[in-house]
N, C-alpha and C. Protein backbone atom coordinates (compact mmCIF):
# COMPACT_ATOMS: atom_id res chain seq x y z
N UNK A 1 103.22 116.85 89.24
CA UNK A 1 102.38 116.06 88.29
C UNK A 1 103.17 115.78 87.10
N UNK A 2 103.71 116.86 86.38
CA UNK A 2 104.56 116.77 85.33
C UNK A 2 105.70 115.84 85.51
N UNK A 3 106.36 116.15 86.61
CA UNK A 3 107.65 115.33 86.86
C UNK A 3 107.31 113.83 86.99
N UNK A 4 106.13 113.50 87.70
CA UNK A 4 105.71 112.25 87.81
C UNK A 4 105.47 111.52 86.48
N UNK A 5 104.71 112.34 85.53
CA UNK A 5 104.50 111.74 84.20
C UNK A 5 105.79 111.41 83.45
N UNK A 6 106.79 112.45 83.52
CA UNK A 6 108.05 112.25 82.88
C UNK A 6 108.74 111.02 83.42
N UNK A 7 108.75 110.86 84.68
CA UNK A 7 109.38 109.57 85.30
C UNK A 7 108.82 108.40 84.80
N UNK A 8 107.49 108.26 84.89
CA UNK A 8 106.67 107.16 84.35
C UNK A 8 107.08 106.82 82.80
N UNK A 9 107.08 107.99 82.05
CA UNK A 9 107.46 107.87 80.66
C UNK A 9 108.82 107.17 80.54
N UNK A 10 109.86 107.74 81.34
CA UNK A 10 111.24 107.26 81.27
C UNK A 10 111.24 105.84 81.57
N UNK A 11 110.55 105.42 82.69
CA UNK A 11 110.55 103.98 83.22
C UNK A 11 110.01 103.12 82.02
N UNK A 12 108.94 103.65 81.46
CA UNK A 12 108.31 102.68 80.33
C UNK A 12 109.17 102.54 79.13
N UNK A 13 109.80 103.66 78.70
CA UNK A 13 110.69 103.57 77.55
C UNK A 13 111.83 102.72 77.83
N UNK A 14 112.42 102.83 79.09
CA UNK A 14 113.67 102.05 79.41
C UNK A 14 113.27 100.56 79.50
N UNK A 15 111.98 100.37 80.00
CA UNK A 15 111.56 98.84 80.25
C UNK A 15 111.41 98.28 78.81
N UNK A 16 110.97 99.06 77.89
CA UNK A 16 110.79 98.65 76.50
C UNK A 16 112.23 98.31 75.87
N UNK A 17 113.12 99.22 76.10
CA UNK A 17 114.47 98.94 75.63
C UNK A 17 115.09 97.70 76.25
N UNK A 18 114.99 97.49 77.48
CA UNK A 18 115.43 96.39 78.12
C UNK A 18 114.86 95.04 77.60
N UNK A 19 113.59 95.05 77.25
CA UNK A 19 112.99 93.78 76.72
C UNK A 19 113.56 93.57 75.43
N UNK A 20 113.76 94.58 74.63
CA UNK A 20 114.34 94.32 73.28
C UNK A 20 115.73 93.81 73.27
N UNK A 21 116.52 94.43 74.38
CA UNK A 21 117.85 94.07 74.45
C UNK A 21 118.00 92.65 75.01
N UNK A 22 117.01 92.22 75.84
CA UNK A 22 117.15 90.80 76.36
C UNK A 22 117.11 89.71 75.34
N UNK A 23 116.45 90.00 74.22
CA UNK A 23 116.34 88.98 73.11
C UNK A 23 117.46 89.07 72.17
N UNK A 24 118.37 90.00 72.31
CA UNK A 24 119.40 90.19 71.33
C UNK A 24 120.68 89.39 71.76
N UNK A 25 121.69 89.58 71.15
CA UNK A 25 123.02 88.81 71.31
C UNK A 25 123.82 89.63 72.27
N UNK A 26 124.81 88.92 72.90
CA UNK A 26 125.79 89.67 73.80
C UNK A 26 126.63 90.53 73.09
N UNK A 27 126.76 91.87 73.56
CA UNK A 27 127.52 92.94 72.94
C UNK A 27 128.93 93.04 73.64
N UNK A 28 128.95 92.70 74.88
CA UNK A 28 130.14 92.77 75.62
C UNK A 28 130.25 91.89 76.82
N UNK A 29 131.47 91.70 77.45
CA UNK A 29 131.56 90.91 78.66
C UNK A 29 132.13 91.89 79.66
N UNK A 30 131.58 91.92 80.89
CA UNK A 30 132.06 92.72 81.99
C UNK A 30 132.47 91.79 83.01
N UNK A 31 133.76 91.85 83.44
CA UNK A 31 134.43 91.06 84.49
C UNK A 31 134.72 91.74 85.69
N UNK A 32 134.07 91.45 86.76
CA UNK A 32 134.34 92.17 88.04
C UNK A 32 135.58 91.58 88.72
N UNK A 33 136.46 92.52 89.18
CA UNK A 33 137.69 92.10 89.79
C UNK A 33 137.32 91.43 91.13
N UNK A 34 138.31 90.57 91.59
CA UNK A 34 138.11 89.93 92.87
C UNK A 34 138.55 88.54 92.97
N UNK A 35 139.17 88.16 91.92
CA UNK A 35 139.70 86.77 91.94
C UNK A 35 140.35 86.43 90.58
N UNK A 36 141.50 85.83 90.53
CA UNK A 36 142.12 85.47 89.15
C UNK A 36 141.31 84.36 88.50
N UNK A 37 140.38 83.59 89.22
CA UNK A 37 139.61 82.61 88.52
C UNK A 37 138.67 83.24 87.57
N UNK A 38 138.24 84.45 87.88
CA UNK A 38 137.34 85.19 86.99
C UNK A 38 138.05 85.51 85.64
N UNK A 39 139.30 86.01 85.85
CA UNK A 39 140.03 86.21 84.63
C UNK A 39 140.47 85.10 83.72
N UNK A 40 140.64 83.87 84.46
CA UNK A 40 140.96 82.76 83.80
C UNK A 40 139.72 82.38 82.96
N UNK A 41 138.52 82.53 83.52
CA UNK A 41 137.34 82.35 82.76
C UNK A 41 137.13 83.30 81.62
N UNK A 42 137.58 84.55 81.95
CA UNK A 42 137.44 85.59 80.84
C UNK A 42 138.37 85.18 79.63
N UNK A 43 139.53 84.59 79.95
CA UNK A 43 140.44 84.26 78.80
C UNK A 43 139.76 83.13 78.01
N UNK A 44 139.03 82.20 78.66
CA UNK A 44 138.36 81.15 77.92
C UNK A 44 137.27 81.83 77.10
N UNK A 45 136.52 82.77 77.66
CA UNK A 45 135.57 83.49 76.88
C UNK A 45 136.15 84.24 75.63
N UNK A 46 137.40 84.81 75.88
CA UNK A 46 137.99 85.56 74.77
C UNK A 46 138.27 84.57 73.61
N UNK A 47 138.86 83.38 74.00
CA UNK A 47 139.25 82.49 73.00
C UNK A 47 138.09 81.97 72.21
N UNK A 48 136.92 81.89 72.74
CA UNK A 48 135.68 81.35 72.12
C UNK A 48 134.93 82.58 71.39
N UNK A 49 135.16 83.72 71.83
CA UNK A 49 134.49 84.95 71.26
C UNK A 49 135.48 86.12 70.91
N UNK A 50 136.30 85.81 70.16
CA UNK A 50 137.55 86.90 69.89
C UNK A 50 137.08 88.26 69.43
N UNK A 51 135.83 88.42 68.93
CA UNK A 51 135.35 89.70 68.37
C UNK A 51 134.58 90.43 69.39
N UNK A 52 134.19 89.86 70.52
CA UNK A 52 133.30 90.55 71.48
C UNK A 52 134.26 91.26 72.41
N UNK A 53 134.00 92.52 72.76
CA UNK A 53 134.88 93.27 73.70
C UNK A 53 134.66 92.69 75.25
N UNK A 54 135.78 92.82 75.90
CA UNK A 54 135.73 92.31 77.28
C UNK A 54 136.34 93.57 78.04
N UNK A 55 135.55 93.91 79.17
CA UNK A 55 136.16 94.99 80.10
C UNK A 55 136.25 94.30 81.41
N UNK A 56 137.57 94.36 81.93
CA UNK A 56 137.91 93.75 83.19
C UNK A 56 138.09 94.87 84.18
N UNK A 57 137.14 94.97 85.11
CA UNK A 57 137.16 96.07 86.06
C UNK A 57 137.90 95.78 87.31
N UNK A 58 139.14 96.50 87.43
CA UNK A 58 140.01 96.40 88.63
C UNK A 58 140.23 94.99 88.90
N UNK A 59 140.74 94.20 88.05
CA UNK A 59 141.12 92.74 88.35
C UNK A 59 142.46 92.69 88.92
N UNK A 60 143.08 91.51 88.64
CA UNK A 60 144.39 91.19 89.23
C UNK A 60 145.49 92.14 88.58
N UNK A 61 146.72 91.95 89.03
CA UNK A 61 147.81 92.82 88.48
C UNK A 61 147.80 92.57 86.96
N UNK A 62 148.11 93.62 86.22
CA UNK A 62 148.15 93.57 84.74
C UNK A 62 148.89 92.37 84.14
N UNK A 63 150.10 92.16 84.58
CA UNK A 63 150.88 91.03 84.00
C UNK A 63 150.36 89.64 84.33
N UNK A 64 149.51 89.51 85.46
CA UNK A 64 148.87 88.29 85.82
C UNK A 64 147.83 87.91 84.90
N UNK A 65 146.87 89.00 84.45
CA UNK A 65 145.90 88.90 83.59
C UNK A 65 146.52 88.58 82.12
N UNK A 66 147.61 89.23 81.85
CA UNK A 66 148.29 88.86 80.54
C UNK A 66 148.70 87.51 80.44
N UNK A 67 149.33 86.96 81.54
CA UNK A 67 149.74 85.70 81.47
C UNK A 67 148.59 84.66 81.32
N UNK A 68 147.52 84.93 82.03
CA UNK A 68 146.30 84.13 81.92
C UNK A 68 145.82 83.88 80.44
N UNK A 69 145.87 85.03 79.71
CA UNK A 69 145.44 85.08 78.34
C UNK A 69 146.55 84.31 77.49
N UNK A 70 147.71 84.55 77.83
CA UNK A 70 148.86 83.93 76.98
C UNK A 70 148.76 82.41 77.18
N UNK A 71 148.48 81.94 78.35
CA UNK A 71 148.43 80.46 78.61
C UNK A 71 147.26 79.91 77.86
N UNK A 72 146.26 80.60 77.82
CA UNK A 72 145.02 80.04 77.11
C UNK A 72 145.17 80.28 75.69
N UNK A 73 146.11 81.03 75.17
CA UNK A 73 146.30 81.34 73.73
C UNK A 73 145.00 82.08 73.26
N UNK A 74 144.55 83.00 74.17
CA UNK A 74 143.38 83.73 73.89
C UNK A 74 143.66 85.11 73.23
N UNK A 75 142.81 85.56 72.38
CA UNK A 75 142.99 86.87 71.81
C UNK A 75 142.87 87.96 72.86
N UNK A 76 143.76 88.90 72.74
CA UNK A 76 143.69 90.17 73.59
C UNK A 76 143.27 91.36 73.08
N UNK A 77 143.02 91.23 71.69
CA UNK A 77 142.67 92.42 70.91
C UNK A 77 141.47 93.23 71.33
N UNK A 78 140.52 92.49 71.86
CA UNK A 78 139.27 93.20 72.42
C UNK A 78 139.16 93.18 73.87
N UNK A 79 140.24 93.23 74.60
CA UNK A 79 140.18 93.22 76.07
C UNK A 79 140.83 94.48 76.71
N UNK A 80 140.10 95.14 77.57
CA UNK A 80 140.49 96.30 78.22
C UNK A 80 140.49 96.14 79.70
N UNK A 81 141.46 96.73 80.35
CA UNK A 81 141.57 96.82 81.76
C UNK A 81 141.16 98.17 82.42
N UNK A 82 140.23 98.15 83.22
CA UNK A 82 139.75 99.42 83.86
C UNK A 82 140.43 99.39 85.30
N UNK A 83 141.11 100.43 85.54
CA UNK A 83 141.99 100.47 86.79
C UNK A 83 141.45 101.49 87.90
N UNK A 84 140.33 102.04 87.73
CA UNK A 84 139.86 103.11 88.63
C UNK A 84 139.02 102.50 89.81
N UNK A 85 138.25 101.42 89.61
CA UNK A 85 137.33 100.94 90.66
C UNK A 85 138.14 100.54 91.87
N UNK A 86 137.51 100.71 93.01
CA UNK A 86 137.95 100.34 94.40
C UNK A 86 136.93 99.57 95.16
N UNK A 87 135.79 99.27 94.48
CA UNK A 87 134.66 98.65 95.15
C UNK A 87 133.69 98.04 94.07
N UNK A 88 132.82 97.26 94.61
CA UNK A 88 131.77 96.65 93.53
C UNK A 88 130.92 97.80 93.00
N UNK A 89 130.64 98.89 93.77
CA UNK A 89 129.86 99.92 93.25
C UNK A 89 130.75 100.58 92.23
N UNK A 90 131.98 100.81 92.44
CA UNK A 90 132.82 101.49 91.44
C UNK A 90 132.95 100.71 90.18
N UNK A 91 132.89 99.38 90.24
CA UNK A 91 132.92 98.51 89.09
C UNK A 91 132.01 99.08 88.00
N UNK A 92 130.70 99.25 88.49
CA UNK A 92 129.60 99.64 87.58
C UNK A 92 129.71 101.25 87.25
N UNK A 93 130.10 101.95 88.33
CA UNK A 93 130.18 103.36 88.31
C UNK A 93 131.11 103.80 87.05
N UNK A 94 132.25 103.06 86.99
CA UNK A 94 133.22 103.47 85.96
C UNK A 94 133.04 102.64 84.71
N UNK A 95 132.28 101.60 84.78
CA UNK A 95 131.99 100.76 83.47
C UNK A 95 130.91 101.35 82.60
N UNK A 96 129.96 102.05 83.15
CA UNK A 96 128.89 102.52 82.45
C UNK A 96 129.24 103.42 81.25
N UNK A 97 130.09 104.51 81.39
CA UNK A 97 130.48 105.18 80.27
C UNK A 97 131.18 104.42 79.19
N UNK A 98 132.02 103.43 79.49
CA UNK A 98 132.69 102.60 78.45
C UNK A 98 131.62 101.81 77.73
N UNK A 99 130.79 101.17 78.49
CA UNK A 99 129.74 100.34 77.84
C UNK A 99 128.92 101.16 76.94
N UNK A 100 128.62 102.27 77.36
CA UNK A 100 127.70 103.27 76.46
C UNK A 100 128.51 103.55 75.20
N UNK A 101 129.79 103.99 75.42
CA UNK A 101 130.72 104.27 74.25
C UNK A 101 130.70 103.10 73.15
N UNK A 102 130.68 101.88 73.79
CA UNK A 102 130.64 100.71 72.93
C UNK A 102 129.34 100.42 72.39
N UNK A 103 128.29 101.31 72.80
CA UNK A 103 126.90 100.99 72.30
C UNK A 103 126.42 99.67 72.77
N UNK A 104 126.72 99.16 73.88
CA UNK A 104 126.31 97.93 74.45
C UNK A 104 124.93 97.98 74.87
N UNK A 105 124.09 96.96 74.41
CA UNK A 105 122.64 96.83 74.86
C UNK A 105 122.43 95.58 75.71
N UNK A 106 123.40 94.71 75.64
CA UNK A 106 123.26 93.39 76.29
C UNK A 106 124.73 92.99 76.82
N UNK A 107 124.91 92.92 78.13
CA UNK A 107 126.16 92.57 78.63
C UNK A 107 126.17 91.33 79.42
N UNK A 108 127.18 90.47 79.33
CA UNK A 108 127.28 89.31 80.18
C UNK A 108 128.26 89.68 81.36
N UNK A 109 127.63 89.53 82.62
CA UNK A 109 128.44 89.85 83.70
C UNK A 109 129.13 88.65 84.35
N UNK A 110 130.41 88.67 84.37
CA UNK A 110 131.26 87.55 84.87
C UNK A 110 131.73 87.82 86.35
N UNK A 111 131.17 87.07 87.27
CA UNK A 111 131.50 87.20 88.76
C UNK A 111 131.47 85.80 89.30
N UNK A 112 131.70 85.66 90.67
CA UNK A 112 131.67 84.42 91.26
C UNK A 112 130.56 84.28 92.41
N UNK A 113 130.36 83.05 92.70
CA UNK A 113 129.34 82.74 93.77
C UNK A 113 129.31 83.71 95.01
N UNK A 114 130.60 83.90 95.56
CA UNK A 114 130.73 84.70 96.71
C UNK A 114 130.31 86.17 96.50
N UNK A 115 130.24 86.55 95.22
CA UNK A 115 129.92 87.91 94.99
C UNK A 115 128.38 88.14 94.69
N UNK A 116 127.61 87.17 94.75
CA UNK A 116 126.25 87.28 94.49
C UNK A 116 125.47 86.96 95.76
N UNK A 117 124.15 87.50 95.68
CA UNK A 117 123.47 88.20 94.62
C UNK A 117 123.73 89.71 94.59
N UNK A 118 124.54 90.20 95.59
CA UNK A 118 124.65 91.66 95.62
C UNK A 118 125.22 92.25 94.36
N UNK A 119 126.18 91.75 93.61
CA UNK A 119 126.78 92.24 92.46
C UNK A 119 125.67 92.10 91.27
N UNK A 120 124.99 91.17 91.33
CA UNK A 120 124.05 91.06 90.10
C UNK A 120 122.89 91.99 90.36
N UNK A 121 122.39 92.27 91.57
CA UNK A 121 121.37 93.16 91.79
C UNK A 121 121.87 94.60 91.44
N UNK A 122 123.10 94.97 91.81
CA UNK A 122 123.64 96.28 91.54
C UNK A 122 123.72 96.42 90.11
N UNK A 123 124.21 95.46 89.38
CA UNK A 123 124.34 95.54 87.84
C UNK A 123 122.93 95.67 87.23
N UNK A 124 121.98 95.00 87.68
CA UNK A 124 120.68 95.11 87.10
C UNK A 124 120.08 96.50 87.30
N UNK A 125 120.36 97.13 88.43
CA UNK A 125 119.92 98.51 88.82
C UNK A 125 120.63 99.52 87.98
N UNK A 126 121.96 99.57 88.06
CA UNK A 126 122.77 100.57 87.40
C UNK A 126 122.83 100.47 85.88
N UNK A 127 123.12 99.28 85.38
CA UNK A 127 123.31 99.08 83.97
C UNK A 127 121.88 99.11 83.43
N UNK A 128 120.88 98.51 84.08
CA UNK A 128 119.54 98.63 83.59
C UNK A 128 118.88 99.89 83.49
N UNK A 129 119.36 100.86 84.32
CA UNK A 129 118.77 102.26 84.20
C UNK A 129 119.24 102.88 82.98
N UNK A 130 120.29 102.32 82.32
CA UNK A 130 120.83 102.83 81.06
C UNK A 130 120.45 101.87 79.87
N UNK A 131 119.47 101.12 80.10
CA UNK A 131 118.92 100.31 78.94
C UNK A 131 119.90 99.14 78.55
N UNK A 132 120.64 98.70 79.55
CA UNK A 132 121.69 97.70 79.19
C UNK A 132 121.08 96.38 80.01
N UNK A 133 120.82 95.37 79.22
CA UNK A 133 120.30 94.10 79.84
C UNK A 133 121.50 93.34 80.37
N UNK A 134 121.35 92.81 81.60
CA UNK A 134 122.41 92.10 82.25
C UNK A 134 122.17 90.56 82.29
N UNK A 135 123.06 89.78 81.77
CA UNK A 135 123.02 88.38 81.83
C UNK A 135 124.08 87.81 82.69
N UNK A 136 123.79 87.32 83.95
CA UNK A 136 124.90 86.92 84.85
C UNK A 136 125.52 85.62 84.43
N UNK A 137 126.82 85.50 84.56
CA UNK A 137 127.64 84.34 84.45
C UNK A 137 128.37 84.12 85.70
N UNK A 138 127.80 83.12 86.62
CA UNK A 138 128.39 83.01 87.85
C UNK A 138 129.28 81.76 87.84
N UNK A 139 130.56 81.89 88.28
CA UNK A 139 131.50 80.87 88.31
C UNK A 139 131.78 80.41 89.67
N UNK A 140 132.17 79.24 89.96
CA UNK A 140 132.41 78.78 91.37
C UNK A 140 133.60 79.31 92.00
N UNK A 141 133.64 79.55 93.33
CA UNK A 141 134.84 79.89 94.02
C UNK A 141 135.69 78.62 94.38
N UNK A 142 137.01 78.82 93.98
CA UNK A 142 137.88 77.62 94.20
C UNK A 142 138.33 77.54 95.66
N UNK A 143 138.36 78.65 96.32
CA UNK A 143 138.65 78.77 97.69
C UNK A 143 137.63 79.50 98.53
N UNK A 144 137.62 79.37 99.79
CA UNK A 144 136.57 80.25 100.55
C UNK A 144 136.86 81.70 100.36
N UNK A 145 135.74 82.58 100.12
CA UNK A 145 136.08 83.98 99.88
C UNK A 145 136.62 84.68 101.18
N UNK A 146 137.36 85.68 100.87
CA UNK A 146 138.04 86.47 101.92
C UNK A 146 137.12 87.37 102.63
N UNK A 147 136.08 87.78 102.02
CA UNK A 147 135.02 88.66 102.51
C UNK A 147 133.65 88.14 102.58
N UNK A 148 132.83 88.38 103.58
CA UNK A 148 131.49 87.85 103.64
C UNK A 148 130.43 88.90 103.11
N UNK A 149 129.58 88.46 102.44
CA UNK A 149 128.47 89.35 101.91
C UNK A 149 127.52 89.67 102.96
N UNK A 150 127.80 90.75 103.79
CA UNK A 150 126.86 91.10 104.83
C UNK A 150 125.65 91.75 104.42
N UNK A 151 124.50 91.48 105.06
CA UNK A 151 123.21 92.12 104.63
C UNK A 151 123.25 93.75 104.63
N UNK A 152 123.95 94.23 105.69
CA UNK A 152 123.99 95.70 105.77
C UNK A 152 124.82 96.26 104.58
N UNK A 153 125.82 95.57 104.28
CA UNK A 153 126.62 96.12 103.10
C UNK A 153 125.86 95.96 101.80
N UNK A 154 124.98 94.95 101.63
CA UNK A 154 124.27 94.79 100.50
C UNK A 154 123.14 95.93 100.50
N UNK A 155 122.59 96.19 101.62
CA UNK A 155 121.54 97.20 101.60
C UNK A 155 122.14 98.66 101.26
N UNK A 156 123.23 98.92 101.79
CA UNK A 156 123.88 100.21 101.45
C UNK A 156 124.18 100.41 100.06
N UNK A 157 124.92 99.29 99.42
CA UNK A 157 125.16 99.29 98.09
C UNK A 157 123.91 99.43 97.20
N UNK A 158 122.89 98.79 97.53
CA UNK A 158 121.72 98.86 96.72
C UNK A 158 121.05 100.24 96.71
N UNK A 159 121.08 100.90 97.96
CA UNK A 159 120.58 102.20 98.06
C UNK A 159 121.55 103.17 97.26
N UNK A 160 122.80 103.04 97.31
CA UNK A 160 123.67 103.83 96.43
C UNK A 160 123.45 103.75 95.04
N UNK A 161 123.11 102.47 94.64
CA UNK A 161 122.92 102.21 93.20
C UNK A 161 121.66 102.75 92.77
N UNK A 162 120.62 102.77 93.56
CA UNK A 162 119.35 103.41 93.22
C UNK A 162 119.55 104.89 93.02
N UNK A 163 120.25 105.44 93.94
CA UNK A 163 120.50 106.83 93.75
C UNK A 163 121.31 107.23 92.47
N UNK A 164 122.54 106.47 92.28
CA UNK A 164 123.27 106.86 91.18
C UNK A 164 122.58 106.37 89.88
N UNK A 165 121.61 105.49 89.91
CA UNK A 165 120.89 105.09 88.64
C UNK A 165 120.16 106.39 88.19
N UNK A 166 119.69 107.29 88.96
CA UNK A 166 119.13 108.49 88.59
C UNK A 166 120.07 109.59 88.22
N UNK A 167 121.04 109.74 89.15
CA UNK A 167 122.11 110.78 88.87
C UNK A 167 122.89 110.64 87.72
N UNK A 168 123.21 109.27 87.31
CA UNK A 168 124.02 108.97 86.21
C UNK A 168 123.28 109.24 84.95
N UNK A 169 122.02 109.51 84.89
CA UNK A 169 121.42 109.98 83.67
C UNK A 169 121.83 111.34 83.28
N UNK A 170 122.46 112.11 84.15
CA UNK A 170 122.88 113.54 83.85
C UNK A 170 124.35 113.59 83.79
N UNK A 171 125.02 112.87 84.54
CA UNK A 171 126.48 112.91 84.60
C UNK A 171 127.07 111.52 85.03
N UNK A 172 128.08 111.16 84.26
CA UNK A 172 128.66 109.79 84.56
C UNK A 172 130.16 109.83 84.31
N UNK A 173 131.01 110.24 85.34
CA UNK A 173 132.36 110.36 85.09
C UNK A 173 133.08 109.05 84.52
N UNK A 174 133.99 109.30 83.58
CA UNK A 174 134.59 108.07 82.94
C UNK A 174 136.08 107.91 83.54
N UNK A 175 136.40 106.72 83.72
CA UNK A 175 137.69 106.34 84.21
C UNK A 175 138.82 106.71 83.21
N UNK A 176 139.85 107.33 83.67
CA UNK A 176 140.99 107.81 82.86
C UNK A 176 142.10 106.80 82.80
N UNK A 177 141.87 105.63 83.34
CA UNK A 177 142.84 104.54 83.41
C UNK A 177 142.29 103.25 82.81
N UNK A 178 141.97 103.25 81.58
CA UNK A 178 141.53 102.14 80.84
C UNK A 178 142.59 101.79 79.77
N UNK A 179 143.23 100.64 79.89
CA UNK A 179 144.30 100.30 79.02
C UNK A 179 144.04 98.97 78.28
N UNK A 180 144.32 98.92 76.98
CA UNK A 180 144.21 97.65 76.24
C UNK A 180 145.18 96.52 76.88
N UNK A 181 144.75 95.34 77.00
CA UNK A 181 145.59 94.29 77.50
C UNK A 181 146.79 94.17 76.54
N UNK A 182 146.64 94.39 75.30
CA UNK A 182 147.83 94.27 74.34
C UNK A 182 148.94 95.24 74.69
N UNK A 183 148.58 96.25 75.42
CA UNK A 183 149.69 97.23 75.79
C UNK A 183 150.46 96.97 77.05
N UNK A 184 149.99 95.97 77.76
CA UNK A 184 150.79 95.48 78.96
C UNK A 184 152.18 95.06 78.59
N UNK A 185 153.18 95.71 79.11
CA UNK A 185 154.56 95.45 78.82
C UNK A 185 155.17 94.41 79.86
N UNK A 186 155.04 93.13 79.45
CA UNK A 186 155.42 92.03 80.32
C UNK A 186 156.95 92.10 80.70
N UNK A 187 157.86 92.38 79.84
CA UNK A 187 159.20 92.43 80.24
C UNK A 187 159.46 93.57 81.31
N UNK A 188 158.81 94.66 81.17
CA UNK A 188 158.97 95.86 82.19
C UNK A 188 158.49 95.24 83.54
N UNK A 189 157.33 94.62 83.56
CA UNK A 189 156.82 94.15 84.79
C UNK A 189 157.78 93.05 85.39
N UNK A 190 158.40 92.32 84.55
CA UNK A 190 159.30 91.27 85.08
C UNK A 190 160.52 92.00 85.77
N UNK A 191 161.00 93.00 85.32
CA UNK A 191 162.04 93.87 85.79
C UNK A 191 161.68 94.43 87.28
N UNK A 192 160.37 95.03 87.24
CA UNK A 192 159.91 95.57 88.51
C UNK A 192 159.54 94.56 89.44
N UNK A 193 159.09 93.43 89.07
CA UNK A 193 158.66 92.47 90.01
C UNK A 193 157.18 92.53 90.24
N UNK A 194 156.56 91.37 90.48
CA UNK A 194 155.04 91.44 90.74
C UNK A 194 154.72 89.96 91.28
N UNK A 195 153.55 89.90 91.93
CA UNK A 195 153.09 88.75 92.44
C UNK A 195 151.62 88.45 91.98
N UNK A 196 151.28 87.20 91.72
CA UNK A 196 149.97 86.80 91.27
C UNK A 196 149.23 85.98 92.43
N UNK A 197 147.95 85.96 92.33
CA UNK A 197 147.24 85.38 93.30
C UNK A 197 147.50 83.91 93.22
N UNK A 198 147.65 83.18 94.34
CA UNK A 198 148.10 81.79 94.26
C UNK A 198 146.93 80.86 94.49
N UNK A 199 145.66 81.31 93.73
CA UNK A 199 144.64 80.26 93.79
C UNK A 199 144.52 79.50 92.49
N UNK A 200 145.23 79.95 91.42
CA UNK A 200 145.01 79.26 90.23
C UNK A 200 145.56 77.78 90.10
N UNK A 201 144.95 76.94 89.44
CA UNK A 201 145.47 75.54 89.32
C UNK A 201 146.57 75.60 88.24
N UNK A 202 146.80 76.81 87.57
CA UNK A 202 147.86 76.97 86.57
C UNK A 202 149.06 77.52 87.12
N UNK A 203 149.29 77.45 88.31
CA UNK A 203 150.46 78.21 88.90
C UNK A 203 151.76 77.67 88.41
N UNK A 204 151.86 76.45 88.03
CA UNK A 204 153.01 75.90 87.48
C UNK A 204 153.40 76.46 86.11
N UNK A 205 152.41 76.71 85.37
CA UNK A 205 152.68 77.41 84.13
C UNK A 205 152.98 78.87 84.18
N UNK A 206 152.46 79.52 85.20
CA UNK A 206 152.73 80.85 85.48
C UNK A 206 154.27 80.94 85.88
N UNK A 207 154.76 80.07 86.71
CA UNK A 207 156.05 80.17 87.19
C UNK A 207 157.06 79.91 85.99
N UNK A 208 156.70 79.26 85.08
CA UNK A 208 157.55 79.02 83.86
C UNK A 208 157.75 80.39 83.01
N UNK A 209 156.66 81.27 83.11
CA UNK A 209 156.75 82.47 82.42
C UNK A 209 157.63 83.49 83.15
N UNK A 210 157.71 83.34 84.50
CA UNK A 210 158.47 84.14 85.32
C UNK A 210 159.91 83.97 85.16
């Protein structure tokens, strides 16, 4: 009985926090890895909003993202790369502590059509359970997606998200590989060699930097 009342109280308080956050301004942008087109869009966002922090969760290779921002002449000062995630679930698993540390109440989620609605639902469950309102920004896919959003996979990820929404109230491990985009050493990457996704319409400009 007491546990039930506490849960209802928590749900009510969190719902109230979300409604307040929904009417506020964007505190941060969260970019889900999965295609360089999302990072090109993130560079456009950074150029238009240089003071709002951007967290790119396991995106393209570091120098590829760096180049996208260079080509757009976008500010890198408020951009961080999270390198721990290995799945969509991980994108949120590792992003929650960072967004909380930034005291984010409203986040704009940048993903693509092929990643929805699964990614958006997961974000609303996981980030919403911490009082963070999610505003999706869905960009088009320039090429056919490599993976199909299967119903069974969506069901499993949503079930995991519901479970972690509760458990993460007590413990939420933070990624130990979050680096500022400004610290990407492009000359070193040039020496080591790297490859960028060949979906971008800006590939000619990329080659010039190489």
